[in-house]
Amino acid sequence: MTNKSLFTIDDSVTHSLQQIARNHLKLTLEHSSATTTTERRKAIMSEVEVLKVQRDNLLGRKDSVAIS
């Protein structure tokens, strides 16, 4: 049995997905910090939703909707 991808992703898309993942991780770490205010946590959640929409758009998912 060989390892085959279900689909291929362009290098620029791969780079963008990696950047989105890095940003998501940074926001997650900031959100979990004891010093992060409630207001900032709400803003972080909104930023994460935007990242999810960006990710879904890059992957060609049509059912993604940003929550504001």
N, C-alpha and C. Protein backbone atom coordinates (compact mmCIF):
# COMPACT_ATOMS: atom_id res chain seq x y z
N MET A 1 0.85 -1.18 0.00
CA MET A 1 0.00 0.00 0.00
C MET A 1 0.90 1.24 0.00
N THR A 2 0.59 2.18 -0.86
CA THR A 2 1.39 3.40 -0.95
C THR A 2 0.66 4.55 -0.29
N ASN A 3 1.45 5.52 0.12
CA ASN A 3 0.90 6.74 0.71
C ASN A 3 0.54 7.71 -0.40
N LYS A 4 -0.71 8.02 -0.57
CA LYS A 4 -1.14 8.97 -1.60
C LYS A 4 -1.98 10.06 -0.95
N SER A 5 -1.77 11.28 -1.40
CA SER A 5 -2.59 12.39 -0.92
C SER A 5 -3.96 12.32 -1.55
N LEU A 6 -4.95 12.73 -0.80
CA LEU A 6 -6.29 12.81 -1.35
C LEU A 6 -6.42 14.00 -2.31
N PHE A 7 -5.60 15.02 -2.08
CA PHE A 7 -5.56 16.18 -2.95
C PHE A 7 -4.21 16.86 -2.76
N THR A 8 -3.83 17.67 -3.72
CA THR A 8 -2.57 18.39 -3.60
C THR A 8 -2.87 19.85 -3.31
N ILE A 9 -1.95 20.48 -2.61
CA ILE A 9 -2.11 21.88 -2.23
C ILE A 9 -0.90 22.65 -2.75
N ASP A 10 -1.16 23.75 -3.38
CA ASP A 10 -0.12 24.63 -3.90
C ASP A 10 0.78 25.11 -2.76
N ASP A 11 2.06 25.36 -3.04
CA ASP A 11 3.00 25.82 -2.01
C ASP A 11 2.55 27.12 -1.34
N SER A 12 1.99 28.03 -2.12
CA SER A 12 1.54 29.29 -1.52
C SER A 12 0.36 29.06 -0.57
N VAL A 13 -0.50 28.12 -0.90
CA VAL A 13 -1.62 27.78 -0.02
C VAL A 13 -1.09 27.11 1.24
N THR A 14 -0.12 26.23 1.07
CA THR A 14 0.49 25.57 2.22
C THR A 14 1.11 26.61 3.16
N HIS A 15 1.82 27.56 2.59
CA HIS A 15 2.44 28.63 3.40
C HIS A 15 1.36 29.43 4.14
N SER A 16 0.29 29.76 3.45
CA SER A 16 -0.80 30.52 4.08
C SER A 16 -1.45 29.73 5.20
N LEU A 17 -1.67 28.43 4.98
CA LEU A 17 -2.25 27.59 6.03
C LEU A 17 -1.34 27.49 7.24
N GLN A 18 -0.04 27.40 6.99
CA GLN A 18 0.92 27.36 8.10
C GLN A 18 0.90 28.66 8.88
N GLN A 19 0.80 29.78 8.19
CA GLN A 19 0.75 31.08 8.86
C GLN A 19 -0.53 31.21 9.69
N ILE A 20 -1.63 30.75 9.15
CA ILE A 20 -2.90 30.77 9.89
C ILE A 20 -2.77 29.92 11.15
N ALA A 21 -2.17 28.74 11.03
CA ALA A 21 -2.00 27.86 12.19
C ALA A 21 -1.11 28.51 13.25
N ARG A 22 -0.03 29.16 12.82
CA ARG A 22 0.85 29.86 13.78
C ARG A 22 0.11 30.97 14.50
N ASN A 23 -0.65 31.77 13.74
CA ASN A 23 -1.42 32.85 14.35
C ASN A 23 -2.46 32.31 15.33
N HIS A 24 -3.11 31.23 14.95
CA HIS A 24 -4.11 30.61 15.82
C HIS A 24 -3.45 30.15 17.12
N LEU A 25 -2.30 29.53 17.02
CA LEU A 25 -1.59 29.06 18.21
C LEU A 25 -1.20 30.22 19.12
N LYS A 26 -0.67 31.30 18.53
CA LYS A 26 -0.30 32.47 19.33
C LYS A 26 -1.52 33.04 20.06
N LEU A 27 -2.64 33.13 19.35
CA LEU A 27 -3.86 33.64 19.98
C LEU A 27 -4.35 32.72 21.09
N THR A 28 -4.23 31.41 20.86
CA THR A 28 -4.64 30.45 21.88
C THR A 28 -3.80 30.61 23.14
N LEU A 29 -2.51 30.76 22.98
CA LEU A 29 -1.62 30.96 24.13
C LEU A 29 -1.95 32.24 24.87
N GLU A 30 -2.21 33.31 24.11
CA GLU A 30 -2.57 34.58 24.74
C GLU A 30 -3.90 34.45 25.48
N HIS A 31 -4.86 33.77 24.87
CA HIS A 31 -6.18 33.59 25.48
C HIS A 31 -6.07 32.84 26.81
N SER A 32 -5.16 31.88 26.88
CA SER A 32 -5.04 31.06 28.09
C SER A 32 -4.23 31.71 29.20
N SER A 33 -3.63 32.84 28.92
CA SER A 33 -2.83 33.54 29.92
C SER A 33 -3.73 34.13 31.01
N ALA A 34 -3.28 34.01 32.24
CA ALA A 34 -4.05 34.53 33.38
C ALA A 34 -4.16 36.05 33.33
N THR A 35 -3.25 36.70 32.63
CA THR A 35 -3.25 38.17 32.59
C THR A 35 -4.09 38.75 31.45
N THR A 36 -4.66 37.91 30.62
CA THR A 36 -5.48 38.38 29.50
C THR A 36 -6.84 38.82 30.01
N THR A 37 -7.23 40.02 29.64
CA THR A 37 -8.51 40.57 30.10
C THR A 37 -9.68 39.89 29.38
N THR A 38 -10.84 40.04 29.97
CA THR A 38 -12.05 39.49 29.37
C THR A 38 -12.31 40.11 28.00
N GLU A 39 -12.09 41.42 27.90
CA GLU A 39 -12.30 42.11 26.63
C GLU A 39 -11.36 41.57 25.56
N ARG A 40 -10.11 41.36 25.92
CA ARG A 40 -9.13 40.83 24.95
C ARG A 40 -9.49 39.40 24.57
N ARG A 41 -9.96 38.61 25.51
CA ARG A 41 -10.36 37.23 25.20
C ARG A 41 -11.49 37.22 24.18
N LYS A 42 -12.44 38.13 24.31
CA LYS A 42 -13.52 38.23 23.34
C LYS A 42 -12.96 38.61 21.97
N ALA A 43 -12.03 39.54 21.94
CA ALA A 43 -11.41 39.95 20.68
C ALA A 43 -10.64 38.78 20.05
N ILE A 44 -9.96 38.02 20.88
CA ILE A 44 -9.21 36.86 20.39
C ILE A 44 -10.16 35.86 19.75
N MET A 45 -11.29 35.62 20.37
CA MET A 45 -12.26 34.67 19.80
C MET A 45 -12.74 35.14 18.43
N SER A 46 -12.93 36.43 18.28
CA SER A 46 -13.33 36.98 16.98
C SER A 46 -12.21 36.80 15.95
N GLU A 47 -10.98 37.04 16.36
CA GLU A 47 -9.83 36.87 15.47
C GLU A 47 -9.69 35.41 15.04
N VAL A 48 -9.93 34.49 15.95
CA VAL A 48 -9.85 33.06 15.63
C VAL A 48 -10.92 32.69 14.61
N GLU A 49 -12.11 33.25 14.75
CA GLU A 49 -13.17 32.98 13.78
C GLU A 49 -12.77 33.45 12.38
N VAL A 50 -12.12 34.60 12.30
CA VAL A 50 -11.65 35.11 11.02
C VAL A 50 -10.61 34.15 10.44
N LEU A 51 -9.70 33.65 11.27
CA LEU A 51 -8.69 32.70 10.81
C LEU A 51 -9.34 31.42 10.29
N LYS A 52 -10.38 30.96 10.95
CA LYS A 52 -11.08 29.76 10.51
C LYS A 52 -11.71 29.96 9.13
N VAL A 53 -12.29 31.13 8.91
CA VAL A 53 -12.89 31.44 7.62
C VAL A 53 -11.79 31.49 6.55
N GLN A 54 -10.67 32.13 6.86
CA GLN A 54 -9.56 32.18 5.92
C GLN A 54 -9.09 30.77 5.56
N ARG A 55 -8.95 29.93 6.57
CA ARG A 55 -8.53 28.54 6.35
C ARG A 55 -9.52 27.81 5.45
N ASP A 56 -10.79 27.93 5.77
CA ASP A 56 -11.81 27.25 4.98
C ASP A 56 -11.84 27.75 3.54
N ASN A 57 -11.64 29.05 3.36
CA ASN A 57 -11.59 29.60 2.00
C ASN A 57 -10.42 29.03 1.22
N LEU A 58 -9.28 28.90 1.87
CA LEU A 58 -8.11 28.34 1.20
C LEU A 58 -8.32 26.88 0.82
N LEU A 59 -9.07 26.17 1.64
CA LEU A 59 -9.33 24.75 1.38
C LEU A 59 -10.56 24.53 0.50
N GLY A 60 -11.20 25.63 0.11
CA GLY A 60 -12.33 25.53 -0.80
C GLY A 60 -13.63 25.12 -0.14
N ARG A 61 -13.73 25.31 1.15
CA ARG A 61 -14.97 25.00 1.86
C ARG A 61 -15.93 26.15 1.68
N LYS A 62 -17.14 25.83 1.32
CA LYS A 62 -18.14 26.87 1.02
C LYS A 62 -19.07 27.18 2.18
N ASP A 63 -19.06 26.33 3.22
CA ASP A 63 -20.04 26.49 4.30
C ASP A 63 -19.52 27.30 5.47
N SER A 64 -18.37 27.93 5.34
CA SER A 64 -17.79 28.69 6.43
C SER A 64 -18.40 30.08 6.52
N VAL A 65 -18.74 30.50 7.73
CA VAL A 65 -19.34 31.81 7.95
C VAL A 65 -18.65 32.47 9.13
N ALA A 66 -18.24 33.71 8.96
CA ALA A 66 -17.60 34.45 10.05
C ALA A 66 -18.67 34.86 11.06
N ILE A 67 -18.30 34.77 12.32
CA ILE A 67 -19.18 35.20 13.40
C ILE A 67 -18.61 36.47 13.98
N SER A 68 -19.39 37.53 13.99
CA SER A 68 -18.87 38.79 14.52
C SER A 68 -19.52 39.16 15.82
